[in-house]
Structures are given as C-alpha cells and as structure tokens.
Amino acid sequence: MPFYSQRPYLYVFIGALAIWVVSDLSVGFRSRGRATASQDRGSKLAIAVAISGGTFGAALLPEVMPAPELPRSPAAFWIGITLWLSPA
C-alpha cells in the first residue's frame, strides 16, 4: 500500500487539500474588483474543482491501478505538506 494512502496520512492530505482550496478561493474572491468578480467566479470555481479533483484522483489512483511506489518517508510527507500550505 502506498505511503500516502495509509489512513492517518490520507486524512491529513485531504484536510490539507481542503485548507488549501478554501484559502485559495477566499483570497481570490477578495482580491478581485466587483466588475470582474461575476465574470471570473465560474472559471475560478471550475479551476479549483479541476485541481482538487485531479489531486485527489492522483492520490487514489494507486488503489485502482498499482504502480511502482516512491520510498515511504514520513519526513518527506510532512515536508511536502508544510511546503504546500506555506504562504507563497
């Protein structure tokens, strides 16, 4: 079983994904002016759904189609989550 599909790590990954999507959408909606907000709302939502769905699908893909695994390293997992959620 791949490292990131083990239950505790999967829950952390899904939680981090939710935090990232909510924060990215809230910043995006607040930073735009009123005139373009109505035009961009649908495309921003579509992009966020596509990115989230692709990321979640990629995390679950090994359950459907086994492939070579990356080394199992808790340190690499936590470093990746930290870098992902760090401000740009």
PDB file of N, CA and C in Angstrom:
ATOM      1  N   MET A   1       0.848  -1.181   0.000  1.00  0.00           N
ATOM      2  CA  MET A   1       0.000   0.000   0.000  1.00  0.00           C
ATOM      3  C   MET A   1       0.889   1.238   0.000  1.00  0.00           C
ATOM      4  N   PRO A   2       0.628   2.194  -0.872  1.00  0.00           N
ATOM      5  CA  PRO A   2       1.441   3.409  -0.899  1.00  0.00           C
ATOM      6  C   PRO A   2       1.358   4.173   0.409  1.00  0.00           C
ATOM      7  N   PHE A   3       2.433   4.860   0.705  1.00  0.00           N
ATOM      8  CA  PHE A   3       2.534   5.576   1.976  1.00  0.00           C
ATOM      9  C   PHE A   3       1.396   6.565   2.178  1.00  0.00           C
ATOM     10  N   TYR A   4       1.081   7.344   1.146  1.00  0.00           N
ATOM     11  CA  TYR A   4       0.100   8.411   1.307  1.00  0.00           C
ATOM     12  C   TYR A   4      -1.337   7.919   1.314  1.00  0.00           C
ATOM     13  N   SER A   5      -1.578   6.629   1.059  1.00  0.00           N
ATOM     14  CA  SER A   5      -2.952   6.133   1.138  1.00  0.00           C
ATOM     15  C   SER A   5      -3.216   5.414   2.454  1.00  0.00           C
ATOM     16  N   GLN A   6      -2.235   5.376   3.356  1.00  0.00           N
ATOM     17  CA  GLN A   6      -2.497   4.843   4.678  1.00  0.00           C
ATOM     18  C   GLN A   6      -3.420   5.814   5.400  1.00  0.00           C
ATOM     19  N   ARG A   7      -4.309   5.331   6.197  1.00  0.00           N
ATOM     20  CA  ARG A   7      -5.399   6.130   6.756  1.00  0.00           C
ATOM     21  C   ARG A   7      -4.987   7.454   7.403  1.00  0.00           C
ATOM     22  N   PRO A   8      -4.082   7.491   8.391  1.00  0.00           N
ATOM     23  CA  PRO A   8      -3.785   8.793   9.008  1.00  0.00           C
ATOM     24  C   PRO A   8      -3.227   9.805   8.009  1.00  0.00           C
ATOM     25  N   TYR A   9      -2.364   9.351   7.121  1.00  0.00           N
ATOM     26  CA  TYR A   9      -1.768  10.263   6.154  1.00  0.00           C
ATOM     27  C   TYR A   9      -2.775  10.697   5.104  1.00  0.00           C
ATOM     28  N   LEU A  10      -3.697   9.827   4.740  1.00  0.00           N
ATOM     29  CA  LEU A  10      -4.742  10.196   3.794  1.00  0.00           C
ATOM     30  C   LEU A  10      -5.639  11.275   4.385  1.00  0.00           C
ATOM     31  N   TYR A  11      -5.967  11.155   5.664  1.00  0.00           N
ATOM     32  CA  TYR A  11      -6.801  12.162   6.322  1.00  0.00           C
ATOM     33  C   TYR A  11      -6.077  13.503   6.416  1.00  0.00           C
ATOM     34  N   VAL A  12      -4.792  13.480   6.714  1.00  0.00           N
ATOM     35  CA  VAL A  12      -4.010  14.719   6.754  1.00  0.00           C
ATOM     36  C   VAL A  12      -3.974  15.339   5.365  1.00  0.00           C
ATOM     37  N   PHE A  13      -3.765  14.516   4.344  1.00  0.00           N
ATOM     38  CA  PHE A  13      -3.702  15.022   2.977  1.00  0.00           C
ATOM     39  C   PHE A  13      -5.028  15.654   2.567  1.00  0.00           C
ATOM     40  N   ILE A  14      -6.140  14.998   2.843  1.00  0.00           N
ATOM     41  CA  ILE A  14      -7.456  15.539   2.484  1.00  0.00           C
ATOM     42  C   ILE A  14      -7.732  16.824   3.268  1.00  0.00           C
ATOM     43  N   GLY A  15      -7.353  16.865   4.543  1.00  0.00           N
ATOM     44  CA  GLY A  15      -7.526  18.087   5.334  1.00  0.00           C
ATOM     45  C   GLY A  15      -6.691  19.238   4.789  1.00  0.00           C
ATOM     46  N   ALA A  16      -5.448  18.947   4.412  1.00  0.00           N
ATOM     47  CA  ALA A  16      -4.589  19.985   3.837  1.00  0.00           C
ATOM     48  C   ALA A  16      -5.147  20.465   2.503  1.00  0.00           C
ATOM     49  N   LEU A  17      -5.687  19.547   1.711  1.00  0.00           N
ATOM     50  CA  LEU A  17      -6.302  19.914   0.439  1.00  0.00           C
ATOM     51  C   LEU A  17      -7.482  20.857   0.666  1.00  0.00           C
ATOM     52  N   ALA A  18      -8.311  20.550   1.654  1.00  0.00           N
ATOM     53  CA  ALA A  18      -9.465  21.401   1.951  1.00  0.00           C
ATOM     54  C   ALA A  18      -9.022  22.787   2.419  1.00  0.00           C
ATOM     55  N   ILE A  19      -8.005  22.834   3.272  1.00  0.00           N
ATOM     56  CA  ILE A  19      -7.493  24.129   3.743  1.00  0.00           C
ATOM     57  C   ILE A  19      -6.962  24.944   2.573  1.00  0.00           C
ATOM     58  N   TRP A  20      -6.225  24.290   1.684  1.00  0.00           N
ATOM     59  CA  TRP A  20      -5.645  24.994   0.537  1.00  0.00           C
ATOM     60  C   TRP A  20      -6.729  25.544  -0.385  1.00  0.00           C
ATOM     61  N   VAL A  21      -7.736  24.730  -0.680  1.00  0.00           N
ATOM     62  CA  VAL A  21      -8.796  25.172  -1.590  1.00  0.00           C
ATOM     63  C   VAL A  21      -9.573  26.335  -0.992  1.00  0.00           C
ATOM     64  N   VAL A  22      -9.954  26.226   0.271  1.00  0.00           N
ATOM     65  CA  VAL A  22     -10.732  27.292   0.913  1.00  0.00           C
ATOM     66  C   VAL A  22      -9.920  28.583   0.981  1.00  0.00           C
ATOM     67  N   SER A  23      -8.651  28.480   1.378  1.00  0.00           N
ATOM     68  CA  SER A  23      -7.847  29.701   1.483  1.00  0.00           C
ATOM     69  C   SER A  23      -7.584  30.310   0.114  1.00  0.00           C
ATOM     70  N   ASP A  24      -7.331  29.484  -0.893  1.00  0.00           N
ATOM     71  CA  ASP A  24      -7.065  29.998  -2.231  1.00  0.00           C
ATOM     72  C   ASP A  24      -8.307  30.670  -2.820  1.00  0.00           C
ATOM     73  N   LEU A  25      -9.455  30.071  -2.624  1.00  0.00           N
ATOM     74  CA  LEU A  25     -10.683  30.674  -3.133  1.00  0.00           C
ATOM     75  C   LEU A  25     -11.026  31.958  -2.397  1.00  0.00           C
ATOM     76  N   SER A  26     -10.841  31.968  -1.077  1.00  0.00           N
ATOM     77  CA  SER A  26     -11.196  33.179  -0.328  1.00  0.00           C
ATOM     78  C   SER A  26     -10.275  34.344  -0.696  1.00  0.00           C
ATOM     79  N   VAL A  27      -9.007  34.086  -0.873  1.00  0.00           N
ATOM     80  CA  VAL A  27      -8.078  35.152  -1.275  1.00  0.00           C
ATOM     81  C   VAL A  27      -8.403  35.605  -2.687  1.00  0.00           C
ATOM     82  N   GLY A  28      -8.697  34.682  -3.566  1.00  0.00           N
ATOM     83  CA  GLY A  28      -9.017  35.034  -4.943  1.00  0.00           C
ATOM     84  C   GLY A  28     -10.274  35.864  -5.061  1.00  0.00           C
ATOM     85  N   PHE A  29     -11.288  35.524  -4.301  1.00  0.00           N
ATOM     86  CA  PHE A  29     -12.541  36.278  -4.371  1.00  0.00           C
ATOM     87  C   PHE A  29     -12.403  37.658  -3.745  1.00  0.00           C
ATOM     88  N   ARG A  30     -11.587  37.786  -2.705  1.00  0.00           N
ATOM     89  CA  ARG A  30     -11.424  39.085  -2.054  1.00  0.00           C
ATOM     90  C   ARG A  30     -10.524  40.024  -2.843  1.00  0.00           C
ATOM     91  N   SER A  31      -9.594  39.476  -3.629  1.00  0.00           N
ATOM     92  CA  SER A  31      -8.623  40.340  -4.301  1.00  0.00           C
ATOM     93  C   SER A  31      -9.143  40.933  -5.609  1.00  0.00           C
ATOM     94  N   ARG A  32     -10.222  40.439  -6.137  1.00  0.00           N
ATOM     95  CA  ARG A  32     -10.771  40.956  -7.394  1.00  0.00           C
ATOM     96  C   ARG A  32     -11.756  42.079  -7.137  1.00  0.00           C
ATOM     97  N   GLY A  33     -11.889  42.945  -8.113  1.00  0.00           N
ATOM     98  CA  GLY A  33     -12.873  44.021  -8.032  1.00  0.00           C
ATOM     99  C   GLY A  33     -14.270  43.485  -8.299  1.00  0.00           C
ATOM    100  N   ARG A  34     -15.247  44.301  -8.072  1.00  0.00           N
ATOM    101  CA  ARG A  34     -16.640  43.889  -8.257  1.00  0.00           C
ATOM    102  C   ARG A  34     -16.990  43.648  -9.726  1.00  0.00           C
ATOM    103  N   ALA A  35     -16.409  44.408 -10.640  1.00  0.00           N
ATOM    104  CA  ALA A  35     -16.770  44.297 -12.064  1.00  0.00           C
ATOM    105  C   ALA A  35     -16.355  42.965 -12.651  1.00  0.00           C
ATOM    106  N   THR A  36     -15.190  42.449 -12.268  1.00  0.00           N
ATOM    107  CA  THR A  36     -14.724  41.187 -12.841  1.00  0.00           C
ATOM    108  C   THR A  36     -15.100  39.990 -11.990  1.00  0.00           C
ATOM    109  N   ALA A  37     -15.568  40.215 -10.774  1.00  0.00           N
ATOM    110  CA  ALA A  37     -15.877  39.097  -9.885  1.00  0.00           C
ATOM    111  C   ALA A  37     -16.970  38.200 -10.470  1.00  0.00           C
ATOM    112  N   SER A  38     -17.984  38.772 -11.059  1.00  0.00           N
ATOM    113  CA  SER A  38     -19.070  37.949 -11.597  1.00  0.00           C
ATOM    114  C   SER A  38     -18.615  37.171 -12.832  1.00  0.00           C
ATOM    115  N   GLN A  39     -17.706  37.731 -13.613  1.00  0.00           N
ATOM    116  CA  GLN A  39     -17.202  37.039 -14.795  1.00  0.00           C
ATOM    117  C   GLN A  39     -16.234  35.924 -14.425  1.00  0.00           C
ATOM    118  N   ASP A  40     -15.444  36.110 -13.379  1.00  0.00           N
ATOM    119  CA  ASP A  40     -14.422  35.150 -13.013  1.00  0.00           C
ATOM    120  C   ASP A  40     -14.888  34.081 -12.035  1.00  0.00           C
ATOM    121  N   ARG A  41     -16.014  34.280 -11.404  1.00  0.00           N
ATOM    122  CA  ARG A  41     -16.447  33.356 -10.354  1.00  0.00           C
ATOM    123  C   ARG A  41     -16.580  31.931 -10.887  1.00  0.00           C
ATOM    124  N   GLY A  42     -17.196  31.758 -12.031  1.00  0.00           N
ATOM    125  CA  GLY A  42     -17.380  30.422 -12.588  1.00  0.00           C
ATOM    126  C   GLY A  42     -16.074  29.771 -13.006  1.00  0.00           C
ATOM    127  N   SER A  43     -15.180  30.545 -13.600  1.00  0.00           N
ATOM    128  CA  SER A  43     -13.910  29.962 -14.038  1.00  0.00           C
ATOM    129  C   SER A  43     -13.015  29.626 -12.852  1.00  0.00           C
ATOM    130  N   LYS A  44     -13.014  30.450 -11.830  1.00  0.00           N
ATOM    131  CA  LYS A  44     -12.215  30.146 -10.642  1.00  0.00           C
ATOM    132  C   LYS A  44     -12.711  28.873  -9.967  1.00  0.00           C
ATOM    133  N   LEU A  45     -14.010  28.747  -9.879  1.00  0.00           N
ATOM    134  CA  LEU A  45     -14.572  27.555  -9.272  1.00  0.00           C
ATOM    135  C   LEU A  45     -14.244  26.320 -10.107  1.00  0.00           C
ATOM    136  N   ALA A  46     -14.334  26.438 -11.417  1.00  0.00           N
ATOM    137  CA  ALA A  46     -14.014  25.308 -12.298  1.00  0.00           C
ATOM    138  C   ALA A  46     -12.548  24.916 -12.170  1.00  0.00           C
ATOM    139  N   ILE A  47     -11.662  25.890 -12.085  1.00  0.00           N
ATOM    140  CA  ILE A  47     -10.236  25.596 -11.931  1.00  0.00           C
ATOM    141  C   ILE A  47      -9.969  24.935 -10.582  1.00  0.00           C
ATOM    142  N   ALA A  48     -10.577  25.452  -9.519  1.00  0.00           N
ATOM    143  CA  ALA A  48     -10.378  24.873  -8.192  1.00  0.00           C
ATOM    144  C   ALA A  48     -10.895  23.439  -8.132  1.00  0.00           C
ATOM    145  N   VAL A  49     -12.052  23.185  -8.732  1.00  0.00           N
ATOM    146  CA  VAL A  49     -12.610  21.828  -8.747  1.00  0.00           C
ATOM    147  C   VAL A  49     -11.716  20.902  -9.563  1.00  0.00           C
ATOM    148  N   ALA A  50     -11.220  21.373 -10.703  1.00  0.00           N
ATOM    149  CA  ALA A  50     -10.355  20.547 -11.548  1.00  0.00           C
ATOM    150  C   ALA A  50      -9.041  20.211 -10.845  1.00  0.00           C
ATOM    151  N   ILE A  51      -8.431  21.187 -10.201  1.00  0.00           N
ATOM    152  CA  ILE A  51      -7.175  20.945  -9.489  1.00  0.00           C
ATOM    153  C   ILE A  51      -7.402  20.007  -8.310  1.00  0.00           C
ATOM    154  N   SER A  52      -8.453  20.267  -7.543  1.00  0.00           N
ATOM    155  CA  SER A  52      -8.740  19.417  -6.384  1.00  0.00           C
ATOM    156  C   SER A  52      -9.078  18.000  -6.815  1.00  0.00           C
ATOM    157  N   GLY A  53      -9.909  17.871  -7.833  1.00  0.00           N
ATOM    158  CA  GLY A  53     -10.262  16.541  -8.323  1.00  0.00           C
ATOM    159  C   GLY A  53      -9.067  15.787  -8.873  1.00  0.00           C
ATOM    160  N   GLY A  54      -8.200  16.487  -9.594  1.00  0.00           N
ATOM    161  CA  GLY A  54      -7.006  15.851 -10.127  1.00  0.00           C
ATOM    162  C   GLY A  54      -6.048  15.408  -9.036  1.00  0.00           C
ATOM    163  N   THR A  55      -5.886  16.249  -8.030  1.00  0.00           N
ATOM    164  CA  THR A  55      -5.001  15.906  -6.917  1.00  0.00           C
ATOM    165  C   THR A  55      -5.556  14.736  -6.127  1.00  0.00           C
ATOM    166  N   PHE A  56      -6.847  14.781  -5.825  1.00  0.00           N
ATOM    167  CA  PHE A  56      -7.473  13.701  -5.077  1.00  0.00           C
ATOM    168  C   PHE A  56      -7.460  12.409  -5.892  1.00  0.00           C
ATOM    169  N   GLY A  57      -7.746  12.522  -7.182  1.00  0.00           N
ATOM    170  CA  GLY A  57      -7.708  11.340  -8.050  1.00  0.00           C
ATOM    171  C   GLY A  57      -6.321  10.739  -8.142  1.00  0.00           C
ATOM    172  N   ALA A  58      -5.301  11.587  -8.212  1.00  0.00           N
ATOM    173  CA  ALA A  58      -3.925  11.095  -8.262  1.00  0.00           C
ATOM    174  C   ALA A  58      -3.541  10.393  -6.964  1.00  0.00           C
ATOM    175  N   ALA A  59      -4.084  10.859  -5.846  1.00  0.00           N
ATOM    176  CA  ALA A  59      -3.792  10.211  -4.572  1.00  0.00           C
ATOM    177  C   ALA A  59      -4.460   8.846  -4.470  1.00  0.00           C
ATOM    178  N   LEU A  60      -5.610   8.696  -5.095  1.00  0.00           N
ATOM    179  CA  LEU A  60      -6.331   7.418  -5.020  1.00  0.00           C
ATOM    180  C   LEU A  60      -6.022   6.480  -6.185  1.00  0.00           C
ATOM    181  N   LEU A  61      -5.318   6.951  -7.191  1.00  0.00           N
ATOM    182  CA  LEU A  61      -5.020   6.141  -8.367  1.00  0.00           C
ATOM    183  C   LEU A  61      -4.295   4.836  -8.036  1.00  0.00           C
ATOM    184  N   PRO A  62      -3.338   4.817  -7.117  1.00  0.00           N
ATOM    185  CA  PRO A  62      -2.668   3.552  -6.813  1.00  0.00           C
ATOM    186  C   PRO A  62      -3.595   2.465  -6.268  1.00  0.00           C
ATOM    187  N   GLU A  63      -4.726   2.851  -5.705  1.00  0.00           N
ATOM    188  CA  GLU A  63      -5.687   1.854  -5.225  1.00  0.00           C
ATOM    189  C   GLU A  63      -6.353   1.141  -6.398  1.00  0.00           C
ATOM    190  N   VAL A  64      -6.509   1.840  -7.505  1.00  0.00           N
ATOM    191  CA  VAL A  64      -7.176   1.290  -8.679  1.00  0.00           C
ATOM    192  C   VAL A  64      -6.169   0.612  -9.601  1.00  0.00           C
ATOM    193  N   MET A  65      -5.018   1.236  -9.797  1.00  0.00           N
ATOM    194  CA  MET A  65      -4.018   0.731 -10.718  1.00  0.00           C
ATOM    195  C   MET A  65      -2.654   0.758 -10.023  1.00  0.00           C
ATOM    196  N   PRO A  66      -2.217  -0.366  -9.475  1.00  0.00           N
ATOM    197  CA  PRO A  66      -0.927  -0.395  -8.788  1.00  0.00           C
ATOM    198  C   PRO A  66       0.216  -0.027  -9.735  1.00  0.00           C
ATOM    199  N   ALA A  67       1.168   0.686  -9.215  1.00  0.00           N
ATOM    200  CA  ALA A  67       2.339   1.111  -9.975  1.00  0.00           C
ATOM    201  C   ALA A  67       3.539   1.117  -9.032  1.00  0.00           C
ATOM    202  N   PRO A  68       4.727   1.330  -9.559  1.00  0.00           N
ATOM    203  CA  PRO A  68       5.893   1.415  -8.665  1.00  0.00           C
ATOM    204  C   PRO A  68       5.687   2.518  -7.630  1.00  0.00           C
ATOM    205  N   GLU A  69       6.103   2.241  -6.409  1.00  0.00           N
ATOM    206  CA  GLU A  69       5.895   3.179  -5.314  1.00  0.00           C
ATOM    207  C   GLU A  69       7.138   4.014  -5.059  1.00  0.00           C
ATOM    208  N   LEU A  70       6.923   5.193  -4.531  1.00  0.00           N
ATOM    209  CA  LEU A  70       8.020   6.022  -4.060  1.00  0.00           C
ATOM    210  C   LEU A  70       8.445   5.507  -2.690  1.00  0.00           C
ATOM    211  N   PRO A  71       9.647   5.821  -2.265  1.00  0.00           N
ATOM    212  CA  PRO A  71      10.064   5.401  -0.924  1.00  0.00           C
ATOM    213  C   PRO A  71       9.118   5.960   0.139  1.00  0.00           C
ATOM    214  N   ARG A  72       8.871   5.177   1.151  1.00  0.00           N
ATOM    215  CA  ARG A  72       7.971   5.607   2.233  1.00  0.00           C
ATOM    216  C   ARG A  72       8.767   6.395   3.258  1.00  0.00           C
ATOM    217  N   SER A  73       8.533   7.674   3.277  1.00  0.00           N
ATOM    218  CA  SER A  73       9.271   8.538   4.188  1.00  0.00           C
ATOM    219  C   SER A  73       8.314   9.514   4.869  1.00  0.00           C
ATOM    220  N   PRO A  74       8.057   9.326   6.166  1.00  0.00           N
ATOM    221  CA  PRO A  74       7.199  10.292   6.868  1.00  0.00           C
ATOM    222  C   PRO A  74       7.765  11.707   6.823  1.00  0.00           C
ATOM    223  N   ALA A  75       9.083  11.839   6.849  1.00  0.00           N
ATOM    224  CA  ALA A  75       9.684  13.175   6.805  1.00  0.00           C
ATOM    225  C   ALA A  75       9.365  13.865   5.484  1.00  0.00           C
ATOM    226  N   ALA A  76       9.465  13.137   4.379  1.00  0.00           N
ATOM    227  CA  ALA A  76       9.162  13.725   3.069  1.00  0.00           C
ATOM    228  C   ALA A  76       7.691  14.114   2.988  1.00  0.00           C
ATOM    229  N   PHE A  77       6.803  13.307   3.551  1.00  0.00           N
ATOM    230  CA  PHE A  77       5.381  13.617   3.555  1.00  0.00           C
ATOM    231  C   PHE A  77       5.123  14.927   4.294  1.00  0.00           C
ATOM    232  N   TRP A  78       5.664  15.074   5.502  1.00  0.00           N
ATOM    233  CA  TRP A  78       5.409  16.267   6.306  1.00  0.00           C
ATOM    234  C   TRP A  78       6.091  17.497   5.719  1.00  0.00           C
ATOM    235  N   ILE A  79       7.250  17.334   5.120  1.00  0.00           N
ATOM    236  CA  ILE A  79       7.899  18.461   4.451  1.00  0.00           C
ATOM    237  C   ILE A  79       7.057  18.915   3.265  1.00  0.00           C
ATOM    238  N   GLY A  80       6.531  17.969   2.509  1.00  0.00           N
ATOM    239  CA  GLY A  80       5.679  18.304   1.373  1.00  0.00           C
ATOM    240  C   GLY A  80       4.411  19.025   1.786  1.00  0.00           C
ATOM    241  N   ILE A  81       3.749  18.556   2.829  1.00  0.00           N
ATOM    242  CA  ILE A  81       2.522  19.206   3.324  1.00  0.00           C
ATOM    243  C   ILE A  81       2.850  20.620   3.812  1.00  0.00           C
ATOM    244  N   THR A  82       3.964  20.767   4.523  1.00  0.00           N
ATOM    245  CA  THR A  82       4.360  22.086   5.031  1.00  0.00           C
ATOM    246  C   THR A  82       4.634  23.060   3.885  1.00  0.00           C
ATOM    247  N   LEU A  83       5.377  22.609   2.879  1.00  0.00           N
ATOM    248  CA  LEU A  83       5.666  23.485   1.736  1.00  0.00           C
ATOM    249  C   LEU A  83       4.400  23.824   0.960  1.00  0.00           C
ATOM    250  N   TRP A  84       3.491  22.883   0.866  1.00  0.00           N
ATOM    251  CA  TRP A  84       2.246  23.091   0.143  1.00  0.00           C
ATOM    252  C   TRP A  84       1.404  24.173   0.789  1.00  0.00           C
ATOM    253  N   LEU A  85       1.333  24.150   2.125  1.00  0.00           N
ATOM    254  CA  LEU A  85       0.478  25.093   2.846  1.00  0.00           C
ATOM    255  C   LEU A  85       1.189  26.387   3.235  1.00  0.00           C
ATOM    256  N   SER A  86       2.488  26.488   2.981  1.00  0.00           N
ATOM    257  CA  SER A  86       3.206  27.709   3.338  1.00  0.00           C
ATOM    258  C   SER A  86       2.808  28.841   2.390  1.00  0.00           C
ATOM    259  N   PRO A  87       2.785  30.061   2.901  1.00  0.00           N
ATOM    260  CA  PRO A  87       2.410  31.191   2.027  1.00  0.00           C
ATOM    261  C   PRO A  87       3.450  31.387   0.930  1.00  0.00           C
ATOM    262  N   ALA A  88       2.971  31.782  -0.214  1.00  0.00           N
ATOM    263  CA  ALA A  88       3.863  31.951  -1.363  1.00  0.00           C
ATOM    264  C   ALA A  88       4.632  33.236  -1.305  1.00  0.00           C
TER     265      ALA A  88
END
